[in-house]
């Protein structure tokens, strides 16, 4: 029986414009491949990282002459000492490390950009757990507007400057723009809204989902802590089965209003097909709090 996470697809096409990565056994290679693509400059955000091969590839990028810049969160639960250790290790390597300017707010966005060629946006931390045991999402894109937008976000967040106003519409960035962007997507649904998210608690969006359901739109929320045999960690929003949003952002007030979060809009047909297949596999699993759950309850 085929896996709902899809078949191995790493070498199906050498340089697709858009590629979704769902299988746990493909995630680490996907991250390492993007790092290896950098020849001039590599930028990435780090929230948590305990996977040695990621740090090894960053060191290798520096050895081949790439400039490596890392934006590190100022805080992560139970990770104060580890963040200090990662900072020191990166600096010893020769990487340029930036601390997000706000000492209280978590920098929860997860992305990598290699040169001006390829970017990765995901929901996972670069940890052994997320590479093996969670349901998470990675999108690899060669969209030049997304790449340029991520570079500008990195520059602004490294220098505590305001977020640029003219970013790609595919980039959903919190806290400045996320609520308006997500509200627009939910209001634009014509048939269905399907969500995988254990934290659908924001009062305004919960109310909007209920109104959309009253309008006759199919609204389904999957909020179980375990799906397809994995811990539910990544967030997924599907609109009419033709548009998807993946990333670090939960539909909670904390995520929408307080942290730097990042999600990406996907409309590539092949990627959407894979996400629809995964969603329907999750929805068909037995157990509480699956399809038709009242948001916010």
Foldseek 3Di string as FASTA:
>chain_A
DAALQGDDDPVVDPDDQKDKHWDLQCVVVVLLVQLVLAQAEKEWEAEDADDVVNVVSVLVSVVNPYAYEYEYWLDDPPCNVVSVVVVVSCVVSPHHYFYQPDNPFTAQWGKMHHDQAKMKGWQDHNYPCRSHFAGIMIMMHRPNLQNVQVVQVVVCRSVVHDRDPDGDLQKQKPQPGNVVSVLVLLVPFDAEKEKEAQAQAAVVVLVSLVVVVVVVHFYWYANDQAFSRHGYRWIWIAGPLQKIKTHNAGNYCCRHHTHTTIIGMDRPVVVSVSVVSSLVRRQPDDDPRGTPDRGND
